[in-house]
Amino acid sequence: MIPSKAQLDSAYSIVKPYVHRTPVLSSSLLNELTGSNLFFKCENFQKMGAFKMRGAVHAISKLNDNEKARGVVTHSSGNFAQALSLAAKSLNTKAYIVMPVNAPEVKKRAVKQYGGIITESEATIQAREAAAEEIIQETGATFIHPSNDTNVILGQGTAAIELLEEQPLLDCIMVPVGGGGLIAGTALAARYYGKNCKVIGGEPMLADDAYRSLKSGKIELNDTANTIADGLRTYLGDKNFPIIKSLVSEIIRVEEEEIRTAMRLIMERMKIIVETSSAVPFAALLKEQSNFAGKNVGIIISGGNVDLSELTF
């Protein structure tokens, strides 16, 4: 079932006090290079450095007082771990975060700084889920999935609402596709706030489960996902896939070198720091730029949490 405009409106009113209204930037050089009018919604300037703060705040806000008193739990090695920790701190509850033992120390430190309570597990999804289930049994905390949760999806859609408020005549919005929460939320915003505004995903060729899912009509998985866009190695779920299947126009796949090129162009021309995952939709536009010539294109920069010692170029 597709969430309603009333649900999305409610999410926006709930989320607004707890997040930054991030800037929409443009670059005359990139417009000239692509032949399009580009508008970058910069969620790399969001609290904790990524769009995921929006969904985390909304999901926690929808809990009742008893649930908030018991806390929330998730398993994540990346941005959602940080987002849920900071959102929980902002809403006066506890966040229990299961992180794999091989998660970067910089991310573990960030989770701790935001107040998250870390439990380490083996790196497999089975081990992570088992550790989260153990915490639920011990504490009664509510599990919140990073992308396959309706309240998370609605929260993520608020970034595109803000983008469309500033640029109501967008022909399309392009977003990276990982677990599917951002593209599903963006598709809802485009449907209810846009004017014939399409939503197009960008996805690494090495982790193209969403592309294949859209083609087959059922959720596909990846055997491996060795892409540099590490935030996009996850897969779709039963809450977000029906929205994606119904409302997303297409998904464009890109090669690793195309991601590097796009990331470098954004950093050099716009003077902002972006994650590899954030560069994927711009890489998709560059790959098929003739299809976007003369169009007004929104691009959601999903995050900017980069370990500067490990830049990919």
C-alpha atoms as a PDB file:
ATOM      1  CA  MET A   1       0.000   0.000   0.000  1.00  0.00           C
ATOM      2  CA  ILE A   2       1.349   3.427  -0.990  1.00  0.00           C
ATOM      3  CA  PRO A   3       1.471   5.885   1.950  1.00  0.00           C
ATOM      4  CA  SER A   4      -0.807   8.911   1.588  1.00  0.00           C
ATOM      5  CA  LYS A   5       0.013  12.588   1.199  1.00  0.00           C
ATOM      6  CA  ALA A   6      -1.416  13.149   4.690  1.00  0.00           C
ATOM      7  CA  GLN A   7       1.144  10.712   6.105  1.00  0.00           C
ATOM      8  CA  LEU A   8       3.964  12.473   4.272  1.00  0.00           C
ATOM      9  CA  ASP A   9       2.731  15.910   5.379  1.00  0.00           C
ATOM     10  CA  SER A  10       2.634  14.673   8.976  1.00  0.00           C
ATOM     11  CA  ALA A  11       6.175  13.298   8.696  1.00  0.00           C
ATOM     12  CA  TYR A  12       7.422  16.651   7.428  1.00  0.00           C
ATOM     13  CA  SER A  13       5.867  18.556  10.335  1.00  0.00           C
ATOM     14  CA  ILE A  14       7.360  16.071  12.833  1.00  0.00           C
ATOM     15  CA  VAL A  15      10.850  16.025  11.343  1.00  0.00           C
ATOM     16  CA  LYS A  16      11.316  19.754  10.682  1.00  0.00           C
ATOM     17  CA  PRO A  17      12.257  20.871  14.237  1.00  0.00           C
ATOM     18  CA  TYR A  18      14.965  18.203  14.542  1.00  0.00           C
ATOM     19  CA  VAL A  19      16.849  18.484  11.237  1.00  0.00           C
ATOM     20  CA  HIS A  20      18.625  21.100   9.158  1.00  0.00           C
ATOM     21  CA  ARG A  21      16.918  22.457   6.077  1.00  0.00           C
ATOM     22  CA  THR A  22      19.915  21.701   3.902  1.00  0.00           C
ATOM     23  CA  PRO A  23      20.933  23.992   1.030  1.00  0.00           C
ATOM     24  CA  VAL A  24      20.214  23.447  -2.658  1.00  0.00           C
ATOM     25  CA  LEU A  25      23.348  24.279  -4.651  1.00  0.00           C
ATOM     26  CA  SER A  26      23.995  24.678  -8.352  1.00  0.00           C
ATOM     27  CA  SER A  27      27.067  25.000 -10.542  1.00  0.00           C
ATOM     28  CA  SER A  28      27.161  26.872 -13.846  1.00  0.00           C
ATOM     29  CA  LEU A  29      30.177  24.766 -14.857  1.00  0.00           C
ATOM     30  CA  LEU A  30      28.351  21.492 -14.260  1.00  0.00           C
ATOM     31  CA  ASN A  31      25.245  22.843 -16.011  1.00  0.00           C
ATOM     32  CA  GLU A  32      27.396  23.697 -19.015  1.00  0.00           C
ATOM     33  CA  LEU A  33      29.142  20.329 -18.917  1.00  0.00           C
ATOM     34  CA  THR A  34      25.905  18.341 -18.822  1.00  0.00           C
ATOM     35  CA  GLY A  35      23.551  20.576 -20.790  1.00  0.00           C
ATOM     36  CA  SER A  36      21.070  20.378 -17.895  1.00  0.00           C
ATOM     37  CA  ASN A  37      19.954  22.667 -15.083  1.00  0.00           C
ATOM     38  CA  LEU A  38      21.163  20.820 -11.991  1.00  0.00           C
ATOM     39  CA  PHE A  39      20.013  21.413  -8.413  1.00  0.00           C
ATOM     40  CA  PHE A  40      21.936  19.507  -5.742  1.00  0.00           C
ATOM     41  CA  LYS A  41      20.083  18.929  -2.459  1.00  0.00           C
ATOM     42  CA  CYS A  42      23.019  18.768  -0.061  1.00  0.00           C
ATOM     43  CA  GLU A  43      22.203  16.284   2.685  1.00  0.00           C
ATOM     44  CA  ASN A  44      25.944  16.067   3.334  1.00  0.00           C
ATOM     45  CA  PHE A  45      25.245  19.190   5.433  1.00  0.00           C
ATOM     46  CA  GLN A  46      22.553  17.391   7.444  1.00  0.00           C
ATOM     47  CA  LYS A  47      22.994  16.657  11.157  1.00  0.00           C
ATOM     48  CA  MET A  48      25.350  13.648  11.482  1.00  0.00           C
ATOM     49  CA  GLY A  49      26.224  14.207   7.817  1.00  0.00           C
ATOM     50  CA  ALA A  50      23.510  12.310   5.953  1.00  0.00           C
ATOM     51  CA  PHE A  51      19.808  12.193   5.027  1.00  0.00           C
ATOM     52  CA  LYS A  52      19.242   9.257   7.380  1.00  0.00           C
ATOM     53  CA  MET A  53      18.731  11.611  10.330  1.00  0.00           C
ATOM     54  CA  ARG A  54      15.296  12.393   8.859  1.00  0.00           C
ATOM     55  CA  GLY A  55      13.994   8.837   8.870  1.00  0.00           C
ATOM     56  CA  ALA A  56      15.473   8.058  12.281  1.00  0.00           C
ATOM     57  CA  VAL A  57      13.803  11.082  13.892  1.00  0.00           C
ATOM     58  CA  HIS A  58      10.433  10.287  12.342  1.00  0.00           C
ATOM     59  CA  ALA A  59      10.510   6.598  13.276  1.00  0.00           C
ATOM     60  CA  ILE A  60      11.373   7.312  16.925  1.00  0.00           C
ATOM     61  CA  SER A  61       8.797  10.115  17.114  1.00  0.00           C
ATOM     62  CA  LYS A  62       6.033   7.678  16.124  1.00  0.00           C
ATOM     63  CA  LEU A  63       6.707   5.435  19.139  1.00  0.00           C
ATOM     64  CA  ASN A  64       4.508   5.694  22.226  1.00  0.00           C
ATOM     65  CA  ASP A  65       5.907   6.731  25.615  1.00  0.00           C
ATOM     66  CA  ASN A  66       6.352   3.146  26.847  1.00  0.00           C
ATOM     67  CA  GLU A  67       8.252   2.221  23.702  1.00  0.00           C
ATOM     68  CA  LYS A  68      10.453   5.309  23.957  1.00  0.00           C
ATOM     69  CA  ALA A  69      11.222   4.440  27.580  1.00  0.00           C
ATOM     70  CA  ARG A  70      12.595   1.057  26.459  1.00  0.00           C
ATOM     71  CA  GLY A  71      14.705   2.481  23.637  1.00  0.00           C
ATOM     72  CA  VAL A  72      15.381   1.532  20.026  1.00  0.00           C
ATOM     73  CA  VAL A  73      17.754  -0.896  18.346  1.00  0.00           C
ATOM     74  CA  THR A  74      19.207  -1.321  14.871  1.00  0.00           C
ATOM     75  CA  HIS A  75      22.132  -3.026  13.168  1.00  0.00           C
ATOM     76  CA  SER A  76      24.285  -0.844  10.963  1.00  0.00           C
ATOM     77  CA  SER A  77      27.933  -0.168  10.272  1.00  0.00           C
ATOM     78  CA  GLY A  78      27.339   3.216   8.676  1.00  0.00           C
ATOM     79  CA  ASN A  79      25.170   6.292   8.582  1.00  0.00           C
ATOM     80  CA  PHE A  80      22.014   4.829  10.120  1.00  0.00           C
ATOM     81  CA  ALA A  81      23.957   3.798  13.215  1.00  0.00           C
ATOM     82  CA  GLN A  82      24.947   7.438  13.679  1.00  0.00           C
ATOM     83  CA  ALA A  83      21.508   8.751  12.708  1.00  0.00           C
ATOM     84  CA  LEU A  84      19.577   6.578  15.148  1.00  0.00           C
ATOM     85  CA  SER A  85      22.024   7.418  17.943  1.00  0.00           C
ATOM     86  CA  LEU A  86      21.691  11.175  17.448  1.00  0.00           C
ATOM     87  CA  ALA A  87      17.932  11.028  16.869  1.00  0.00           C
ATOM     88  CA  ALA A  88      17.483   9.009  20.070  1.00  0.00           C
ATOM     89  CA  LYS A  89      19.567  11.518  21.997  1.00  0.00           C
ATOM     90  CA  SER A  90      17.450  14.374  20.579  1.00  0.00           C
ATOM     91  CA  LEU A  91      14.237  12.585  21.620  1.00  0.00           C
ATOM     92  CA  ASN A  92      15.447  11.468  25.075  1.00  0.00           C
ATOM     93  CA  THR A  93      15.600   7.724  24.524  1.00  0.00           C
ATOM     94  CA  LYS A  94      18.326   5.084  24.273  1.00  0.00           C
ATOM     95  CA  ALA A  95      19.752   3.688  21.037  1.00  0.00           C
ATOM     96  CA  TYR A  96      21.294   0.214  21.007  1.00  0.00           C
ATOM     97  CA  ILE A  97      23.459  -0.209  17.914  1.00  0.00           C
ATOM     98  CA  VAL A  98      24.755  -3.555  16.671  1.00  0.00           C
ATOM     99  CA  MET A  99      27.919  -2.952  14.649  1.00  0.00           C
ATOM    100  CA  PRO A 100      30.116  -5.562  12.973  1.00  0.00           C
ATOM    101  CA  VAL A 101      33.558  -6.012  14.508  1.00  0.00           C
ATOM    102  CA  ASN A 102      35.160  -4.794  11.279  1.00  0.00           C
ATOM    103  CA  ALA A 103      33.268  -1.489  11.236  1.00  0.00           C
ATOM    104  CA  PRO A 104      35.701   1.459  10.953  1.00  0.00           C
ATOM    105  CA  GLU A 105      36.781   2.900  14.276  1.00  0.00           C
ATOM    106  CA  VAL A 106      35.861   6.395  13.074  1.00  0.00           C
ATOM    107  CA  LYS A 107      32.235   5.272  12.746  1.00  0.00           C
ATOM    108  CA  LYS A 108      32.214   3.571  16.119  1.00  0.00           C
ATOM    109  CA  ARG A 109      33.567   6.749  17.720  1.00  0.00           C
ATOM    110  CA  ALA A 110      30.848   8.822  16.057  1.00  0.00           C
ATOM    111  CA  VAL A 111      28.108   6.485  17.323  1.00  0.00           C
ATOM    112  CA  LYS A 112      29.489   6.728  20.862  1.00  0.00           C
ATOM    113  CA  GLN A 113      29.743  10.520  20.627  1.00  0.00           C
ATOM    114  CA  TYR A 114      26.050  10.637  19.658  1.00  0.00           C
ATOM    115  CA  GLY A 115      25.143   8.485  22.666  1.00  0.00           C
ATOM    116  CA  GLY A 116      24.642   5.125  20.957  1.00  0.00           C
ATOM    117  CA  ILE A 117      25.270   1.953  22.996  1.00  0.00           C
ATOM    118  CA  ILE A 118      27.332  -0.362  20.793  1.00  0.00           C
ATOM    119  CA  THR A 119      27.220  -4.159  20.734  1.00  0.00           C
ATOM    120  CA  GLU A 120      29.737  -5.730  18.378  1.00  0.00           C
ATOM    121  CA  SER A 121      28.920  -8.807  16.319  1.00  0.00           C
ATOM    122  CA  GLU A 122      30.432 -10.866  13.551  1.00  0.00           C
ATOM    123  CA  ALA A 123      30.093  -9.198  10.157  1.00  0.00           C
ATOM    124  CA  THR A 124      27.411 -11.508   8.718  1.00  0.00           C
ATOM    125  CA  ILE A 125      23.818 -10.300   8.463  1.00  0.00           C
ATOM    126  CA  GLN A 126      22.723 -13.376  10.459  1.00  0.00           C
ATOM    127  CA  ALA A 127      25.034 -12.466  13.332  1.00  0.00           C
ATOM    128  CA  ARG A 128      23.909  -8.854  13.288  1.00  0.00           C
ATOM    129  CA  GLU A 129      20.230  -9.829  13.350  1.00  0.00           C
ATOM    130  CA  ALA A 130      20.818 -12.349  16.151  1.00  0.00           C
ATOM    131  CA  ALA A 131      22.595  -9.732  18.273  1.00  0.00           C
ATOM    132  CA  ALA A 132      19.773  -7.233  17.698  1.00  0.00           C
ATOM    133  CA  GLU A 133      17.185  -9.867  18.661  1.00  0.00           C
ATOM    134  CA  GLU A 134      19.072 -10.588  21.875  1.00  0.00           C
ATOM    135  CA  ILE A 135      18.977  -6.888  22.795  1.00  0.00           C
ATOM    136  CA  ILE A 136      15.238  -6.767  22.057  1.00  0.00           C
ATOM    137  CA  GLN A 137      14.659  -9.744  24.370  1.00  0.00           C
ATOM    138  CA  GLU A 138      16.776  -8.215  27.147  1.00  0.00           C
ATOM    139  CA  THR A 139      15.545  -4.598  26.983  1.00  0.00           C
ATOM    140  CA  GLY A 140      12.215  -4.575  25.151  1.00  0.00           C
ATOM    141  CA  ALA A 141      13.689  -2.020  22.722  1.00  0.00           C
ATOM    142  CA  THR A 142      11.920  -1.476  19.400  1.00  0.00           C
ATOM    143  CA  PHE A 143      13.772  -2.542  16.258  1.00  0.00           C
ATOM    144  CA  ILE A 144      14.011   0.134  13.546  1.00  0.00           C
ATOM    145  CA  HIS A 145      15.231  -0.978  10.138  1.00  0.00           C
ATOM    146  CA  PRO A 146      17.514   1.482   8.314  1.00  0.00           C
ATOM    147  CA  SER A 147      15.438   1.470   5.105  1.00  0.00           C
ATOM    148  CA  ASN A 148      12.587  -1.050   5.174  1.00  0.00           C
ATOM    149  CA  ASP A 149      10.294   0.761   7.620  1.00  0.00           C
ATOM    150  CA  THR A 150       7.345   2.911   6.529  1.00  0.00           C
ATOM    151  CA  ASN A 151       8.073   5.655   9.069  1.00  0.00           C
ATOM    152  CA  VAL A 152      11.736   5.745   8.030  1.00  0.00           C
ATOM    153  CA  ILE A 153      10.698   5.974   4.359  1.00  0.00           C
ATOM    154  CA  LEU A 154       8.315   8.864   5.077  1.00  0.00           C
ATOM    155  CA  GLY A 155      11.043  10.691   7.005  1.00  0.00           C
ATOM    156  CA  GLN A 156      13.529  10.281   4.163  1.00  0.00           C
ATOM    157  CA  GLY A 157      10.983  11.763   1.749  1.00  0.00           C
ATOM    158  CA  THR A 158      11.177  15.123   3.519  1.00  0.00           C
ATOM    159  CA  ALA A 159      14.490  15.956   1.786  1.00  0.00           C
ATOM    160  CA  ALA A 160      12.748  15.873  -1.601  1.00  0.00           C
ATOM    161  CA  ILE A 161       9.837  17.926  -0.229  1.00  0.00           C
ATOM    162  CA  GLU A 162      12.286  20.708   0.639  1.00  0.00           C
ATOM    163  CA  LEU A 163      13.941  20.405  -2.767  1.00  0.00           C
ATOM    164  CA  LEU A 164      10.585  20.703  -4.555  1.00  0.00           C
ATOM    165  CA  GLU A 165       9.560  23.654  -2.388  1.00  0.00           C
ATOM    166  CA  GLU A 166      12.609  25.499  -3.718  1.00  0.00           C
ATOM    167  CA  GLN A 167      12.468  24.112  -7.265  1.00  0.00           C
ATOM    168  CA  PRO A 168       8.831  23.198  -8.007  1.00  0.00           C
ATOM    169  CA  LEU A 169       9.370  22.733 -11.752  1.00  0.00           C
ATOM    170  CA  LEU A 170      11.864  19.857 -11.626  1.00  0.00           C
ATOM    171  CA  ASP A 171      11.503  17.376 -14.461  1.00  0.00           C
ATOM    172  CA  CYS A 172      13.098  14.649 -12.389  1.00  0.00           C
ATOM    173  CA  ILE A 173      14.926  13.882  -9.154  1.00  0.00           C
ATOM    174  CA  MET A 174      17.887  11.507  -9.147  1.00  0.00           C
ATOM    175  CA  VAL A 175      18.927   9.577  -6.030  1.00  0.00           C
ATOM    176  CA  PRO A 176      21.300   6.748  -5.103  1.00  0.00           C
ATOM    177  CA  VAL A 177      19.726   3.344  -4.488  1.00  0.00           C
ATOM    178  CA  GLY A 178      20.896   1.120  -1.646  1.00  0.00           C
ATOM    179  CA  GLY A 179      18.350  -0.243   0.803  1.00  0.00           C
ATOM    180  CA  GLY A 180      15.579   1.689  -0.934  1.00  0.00           C
ATOM    181  CA  GLY A 181      14.401   4.028   1.817  1.00  0.00           C
ATOM    182  CA  LEU A 182      15.583   7.239   0.183  1.00  0.00           C
ATOM    183  CA  ILE A 183      14.333   6.502  -3.320  1.00  0.00           C
ATOM    184  CA  ALA A 184      10.958   5.308  -1.998  1.00  0.00           C
ATOM    185  CA  GLY A 185      10.527   8.445   0.129  1.00  0.00           C
ATOM    186  CA  THR A 186      11.664  10.639  -2.753  1.00  0.00           C
ATOM    187  CA  ALA A 187       9.141   8.958  -5.068  1.00  0.00           C
ATOM    188  CA  LEU A 188       6.335   9.749  -2.619  1.00  0.00           C
ATOM    189  CA  ALA A 189       7.436  13.394  -2.418  1.00  0.00           C
ATOM    190  CA  ALA A 190       7.611  13.671  -6.212  1.00  0.00           C
ATOM    191  CA  ARG A 191       4.136  12.197  -6.536  1.00  0.00           C
ATOM    192  CA  TYR A 192       2.501  14.507  -4.000  1.00  0.00           C
ATOM    193  CA  TYR A 193       4.578  17.692  -4.356  1.00  0.00           C
ATOM    194  CA  GLY A 194       5.982  17.543  -7.882  1.00  0.00           C
ATOM    195  CA  LYS A 195       4.485  18.478 -11.236  1.00  0.00           C
ATOM    196  CA  ASN A 196       5.039  15.473 -13.511  1.00  0.00           C
ATOM    197  CA  CYS A 197       8.364  14.980 -11.745  1.00  0.00           C
ATOM    198  CA  LYS A 198       9.999  11.601 -12.411  1.00  0.00           C
ATOM    199  CA  VAL A 199      12.255   9.800  -9.954  1.00  0.00           C
ATOM    200  CA  ILE A 200      15.321   8.025 -11.320  1.00  0.00           C
ATOM    201  CA  GLY A 201      17.764   5.922  -9.338  1.00  0.00           C
ATOM    202  CA  GLY A 202      21.500   5.549  -9.749  1.00  0.00           C
ATOM    203  CA  GLU A 203      23.048   2.220  -8.791  1.00  0.00           C
ATOM    204  CA  PRO A 204      26.517   0.638  -9.047  1.00  0.00           C
ATOM    205  CA  MET A 205      26.840  -2.083 -11.673  1.00  0.00           C
ATOM    206  CA  LEU A 206      28.516  -4.210  -8.966  1.00  0.00           C
ATOM    207  CA  ALA A 207      25.435  -3.996  -6.699  1.00  0.00           C
ATOM    208  CA  ASP A 208      22.555  -3.778  -9.184  1.00  0.00           C
ATOM    209  CA  ASP A 209      19.874  -5.668  -7.246  1.00  0.00           C
ATOM    210  CA  ALA A 210      17.372  -2.783  -7.447  1.00  0.00           C
ATOM    211  CA  TYR A 211      17.814  -2.499 -11.232  1.00  0.00           C
ATOM    212  CA  ARG A 212      17.159  -6.227 -11.585  1.00  0.00           C
ATOM    213  CA  SER A 213      14.263  -6.081  -9.110  1.00  0.00           C
ATOM    214  CA  LEU A 214      12.551  -3.360 -11.125  1.00  0.00           C
ATOM    215  CA  LYS A 215      12.961  -5.492 -14.259  1.00  0.00           C
ATOM    216  CA  SER A 216      11.746  -8.767 -12.747  1.00  0.00           C
ATOM    217  CA  GLY A 217       9.023  -7.358 -10.502  1.00  0.00           C
ATOM    218  CA  LYS A 218      10.372  -9.140  -7.411  1.00  0.00           C
ATOM    219  CA  ILE A 219      13.150  -8.426  -4.909  1.00  0.00           C
ATOM    220  CA  GLU A 220      16.503  -9.639  -6.215  1.00  0.00           C
ATOM    221  CA  LEU A 221      19.693 -10.008  -4.171  1.00  0.00           C
ATOM    222  CA  ASN A 222      23.401  -9.645  -4.935  1.00  0.00           C
ATOM    223  CA  ASP A 223      25.823 -12.549  -4.619  1.00  0.00           C
ATOM    224  CA  THR A 224      28.585  -9.997  -4.057  1.00  0.00           C
ATOM    225  CA  ALA A 225      28.622  -6.199  -3.823  1.00  0.00           C
ATOM    226  CA  ASN A 226      32.230  -5.046  -4.016  1.00  0.00           C
ATOM    227  CA  THR A 227      31.464  -1.474  -5.035  1.00  0.00           C
ATOM    228  CA  ILE A 228      33.315   1.568  -3.710  1.00  0.00           C
ATOM    229  CA  ALA A 229      29.838   3.011  -3.001  1.00  0.00           C
ATOM    230  CA  ASP A 230      29.750   1.139   0.301  1.00  0.00           C
ATOM    231  CA  GLY A 231      26.462   2.720   1.422  1.00  0.00           C
ATOM    232  CA  LEU A 232      24.675   1.032  -1.494  1.00  0.00           C
ATOM    233  CA  ARG A 233      25.603  -2.577  -0.753  1.00  0.00           C
ATOM    234  CA  THR A 234      22.276  -3.316   0.949  1.00  0.00           C
ATOM    235  CA  TYR A 235      19.106  -4.569  -0.729  1.00  0.00           C
ATOM    236  CA  LEU A 236      15.430  -3.642  -1.011  1.00  0.00           C
ATOM    237  CA  GLY A 237      12.672  -4.724   1.373  1.00  0.00           C
ATOM    238  CA  ASP A 238       8.988  -5.545   1.328  1.00  0.00           C
ATOM    239  CA  LYS A 239       7.973  -2.081   2.618  1.00  0.00           C
ATOM    240  CA  ASN A 240       9.888   0.052   0.105  1.00  0.00           C
ATOM    241  CA  PHE A 241       9.859  -2.158  -2.993  1.00  0.00           C
ATOM    242  CA  PRO A 242       6.118  -1.760  -3.736  1.00  0.00           C
ATOM    243  CA  ILE A 243       6.578   2.035  -3.682  1.00  0.00           C
ATOM    244  CA  ILE A 244       9.643   1.805  -5.921  1.00  0.00           C
ATOM    245  CA  LYS A 245       7.915  -0.575  -8.332  1.00  0.00           C
ATOM    246  CA  SER A 246       4.900   1.731  -8.580  1.00  0.00           C
ATOM    247  CA  LEU A 247       6.519   5.186  -8.638  1.00  0.00           C
ATOM    248  CA  VAL A 248      10.154   5.008  -9.822  1.00  0.00           C
ATOM    249  CA  SER A 249      10.669   5.534 -13.560  1.00  0.00           C
ATOM    250  CA  GLU A 250      14.007   3.788 -14.009  1.00  0.00           C
ATOM    251  CA  ILE A 251      17.336   2.882 -12.453  1.00  0.00           C
ATOM    252  CA  ILE A 252      20.581   3.616 -14.298  1.00  0.00           C
ATOM    253  CA  ARG A 253      23.637   1.470 -13.541  1.00  0.00           C
ATOM    254  CA  VAL A 254      27.147   2.913 -13.439  1.00  0.00           C
ATOM    255  CA  GLU A 255      30.678   1.519 -13.405  1.00  0.00           C
ATOM    256  CA  GLU A 256      33.179   2.125 -10.615  1.00  0.00           C
ATOM    257  CA  GLU A 257      35.298   4.526 -12.658  1.00  0.00           C
ATOM    258  CA  GLU A 258      32.174   6.520 -13.537  1.00  0.00           C
ATOM    259  CA  ILE A 259      31.455   6.904  -9.808  1.00  0.00           C
ATOM    260  CA  ARG A 260      35.012   8.135  -9.188  1.00  0.00           C
ATOM    261  CA  THR A 261      34.765  10.648 -12.025  1.00  0.00           C
ATOM    262  CA  ALA A 262      31.438  12.008 -10.756  1.00  0.00           C
ATOM    263  CA  MET A 263      32.718  12.280  -7.194  1.00  0.00           C
ATOM    264  CA  ARG A 264      35.807  14.136  -8.315  1.00  0.00           C
ATOM    265  CA  LEU A 265      33.757  16.577 -10.448  1.00  0.00           C
ATOM    266  CA  ILE A 266      31.449  17.380  -7.528  1.00  0.00           C
ATOM    267  CA  MET A 267      34.329  17.972  -5.146  1.00  0.00           C
ATOM    268  CA  GLU A 268      36.419  19.999  -7.587  1.00  0.00           C
ATOM    269  CA  ARG A 269      33.628  22.107  -9.074  1.00  0.00           C
ATOM    270  CA  MET A 270      31.300  22.544  -6.095  1.00  0.00           C
ATOM    271  CA  LYS A 271      33.905  22.534  -3.316  1.00  0.00           C
ATOM    272  CA  ILE A 272      31.916  20.165  -1.114  1.00  0.00           C
ATOM    273  CA  ILE A 273      32.789  16.782   0.399  1.00  0.00           C
ATOM    274  CA  VAL A 274      30.536  13.896  -0.624  1.00  0.00           C
ATOM    275  CA  GLU A 275      30.503  10.155  -0.038  1.00  0.00           C
ATOM    276  CA  THR A 276      31.063   7.762  -2.921  1.00  0.00           C
ATOM    277  CA  SER A 277      27.396   6.703  -2.691  1.00  0.00           C
ATOM    278  CA  SER A 278      26.319  10.338  -3.119  1.00  0.00           C
ATOM    279  CA  ALA A 279      28.130  10.597  -6.446  1.00  0.00           C
ATOM    280  CA  VAL A 280      26.259   7.672  -8.018  1.00  0.00           C
ATOM    281  CA  PRO A 281      23.157   9.578  -9.268  1.00  0.00           C
ATOM    282  CA  PHE A 282      25.351  12.275 -10.828  1.00  0.00           C
ATOM    283  CA  ALA A 283      27.394   9.503 -12.452  1.00  0.00           C
ATOM    284  CA  ALA A 284      24.128   8.124 -13.861  1.00  0.00           C
ATOM    285  CA  LEU A 285      23.243  11.514 -15.331  1.00  0.00           C
ATOM    286  CA  LEU A 286      26.701  11.884 -16.891  1.00  0.00           C
ATOM    287  CA  LYS A 287      26.378   8.418 -18.413  1.00  0.00           C
ATOM    288  CA  GLU A 288      23.093   9.241 -20.146  1.00  0.00           C
ATOM    289  CA  GLN A 289      23.350  13.029 -20.262  1.00  0.00           C
ATOM    290  CA  SER A 290      21.734  13.379 -23.697  1.00  0.00           C
ATOM    291  CA  ASN A 291      18.482  12.126 -22.116  1.00  0.00           C
ATOM    292  CA  PHE A 292      18.581  15.010 -19.628  1.00  0.00           C
ATOM    293  CA  ALA A 293      19.550  17.820 -22.013  1.00  0.00           C
ATOM    294  CA  GLY A 294      17.629  21.014 -21.240  1.00  0.00           C
ATOM    295  CA  LYS A 295      15.897  19.395 -18.249  1.00  0.00           C
ATOM    296  CA  ASN A 296      15.621  20.690 -14.685  1.00  0.00           C
ATOM    297  CA  VAL A 297      17.183  17.914 -12.625  1.00  0.00           C
ATOM    298  CA  GLY A 298      17.318  17.589  -8.851  1.00  0.00           C
ATOM    299  CA  ILE A 299      20.083  15.397  -7.419  1.00  0.00           C
ATOM    300  CA  ILE A 300      20.051  14.366  -3.779  1.00  0.00           C
ATOM    301  CA  ILE A 301      23.555  14.317  -2.300  1.00  0.00           C
ATOM    302  CA  SER A 302      22.857  11.669   0.299  1.00  0.00           C
ATOM    303  CA  GLY A 303      25.784  12.213   2.666  1.00  0.00           C
ATOM    304  CA  GLY A 304      29.285  13.448   3.314  1.00  0.00           C
ATOM    305  CA  ASN A 305      30.747  11.126   5.929  1.00  0.00           C
ATOM    306  CA  VAL A 306      34.120  10.514   4.306  1.00  0.00           C
ATOM    307  CA  ASP A 307      37.299   9.189   5.864  1.00  0.00           C
ATOM    308  CA  LEU A 308      39.626  11.693   4.250  1.00  0.00           C
ATOM    309  CA  SER A 309      42.572   9.317   4.531  1.00  0.00           C
ATOM    310  CA  GLU A 310      40.771   6.874   2.231  1.00  0.00           C
ATOM    311  CA  LEU A 311      39.554   9.052  -0.627  1.00  0.00           C
ATOM    312  CA  THR A 312      39.196   6.916  -3.740  1.00  0.00           C
ATOM    313  CA  PHE A 313      41.318   9.120  -5.990  1.00  0.00           C
END
